[in-house]
Amino acid sequence: MTWSPSDMQHREPHIAVKTARKVGALVRWIVLVALCGLAVAAVVGIGITVLFTAIENGL
């Protein structure tokens, strides 16, 4: 089956477009997971700081 310029049938998006969409979705998930990880790390860090401060002050 060959394609000619006169063939104006709608075609599916090219593989590059599909791949770009998938990569974009993957990048969004990676950023979301990284931000959640940073938030958890911040909460743990604050908790440890408060704990050590309480221990130093004689709890």
Protein backbone atom coordinates (compact mmCIF):
# COMPACT_ATOMS: atom_id res chain seq x y z
CA MET A 1 0.00 0.00 0.00
CA THR A 2 1.52 3.29 -1.07
CA TRP A 3 0.67 6.84 -0.11
CA SER A 4 0.27 9.66 -2.56
CA PRO A 5 -0.07 13.40 -1.86
CA SER A 6 -3.56 13.31 -3.36
CA ASP A 7 -4.64 10.88 -0.62
CA MET A 8 -6.26 13.23 1.91
CA GLN A 9 -7.47 10.54 4.27
CA HIS A 10 -7.00 11.40 7.96
CA ARG A 11 -4.22 9.39 9.46
CA GLU A 12 -3.36 8.59 13.05
CA PRO A 13 -0.82 10.87 14.69
CA HIS A 14 2.73 10.00 13.85
CA ILE A 15 4.71 7.82 16.19
CA ALA A 16 6.76 10.86 17.25
CA VAL A 17 3.63 12.64 18.50
CA LYS A 18 2.48 9.58 20.42
CA THR A 19 5.95 9.12 21.90
CA ALA A 20 6.14 12.79 22.89
CA ARG A 21 2.80 12.52 24.69
CA LYS A 22 3.91 9.41 26.55
CA VAL A 23 7.22 11.03 27.50
CA GLY A 24 5.37 14.15 28.67
CA ALA A 25 3.09 12.06 30.88
CA LEU A 26 6.09 10.16 32.26
CA VAL A 27 7.92 13.40 33.04
CA ARG A 28 4.85 14.75 34.87
CA TRP A 29 4.71 11.59 37.02
CA ILE A 30 8.44 11.79 37.77
CA VAL A 31 8.11 15.44 38.82
CA LEU A 32 5.08 14.62 40.97
CA VAL A 33 6.87 11.75 42.71
CA ALA A 34 9.99 13.88 43.22
CA LEU A 35 7.96 16.71 44.78
CA CYS A 36 6.16 14.28 47.07
CA GLY A 37 9.53 12.84 48.07
CA LEU A 38 10.85 16.30 48.87
CA ALA A 39 7.77 17.06 50.95
CA VAL A 40 8.17 13.83 52.93
CA ALA A 41 11.89 14.54 53.42
CA ALA A 42 11.09 18.04 54.70
CA VAL A 43 8.53 16.74 57.19
CA VAL A 44 10.95 14.06 58.43
CA GLY A 45 13.73 16.64 58.71
CA ILE A 46 11.56 19.01 60.72
CA GLY A 47 10.44 16.13 62.94
CA ILE A 48 14.03 15.08 63.65
CA THR A 49 15.03 18.68 64.37
CA VAL A 50 12.16 19.08 66.82
CA LEU A 51 13.04 15.76 68.47
CA PHE A 52 16.71 16.65 68.96
CA THR A 53 15.80 20.13 70.18
CA ALA A 54 13.44 18.57 72.73
CA ILE A 55 16.14 16.13 73.86
CA GLU A 56 18.68 18.95 74.25
CA ASN A 57 16.20 20.96 76.31
CA GLY A 58 15.59 18.07 78.66
CA LEU A 59 12.25 16.83 77.28
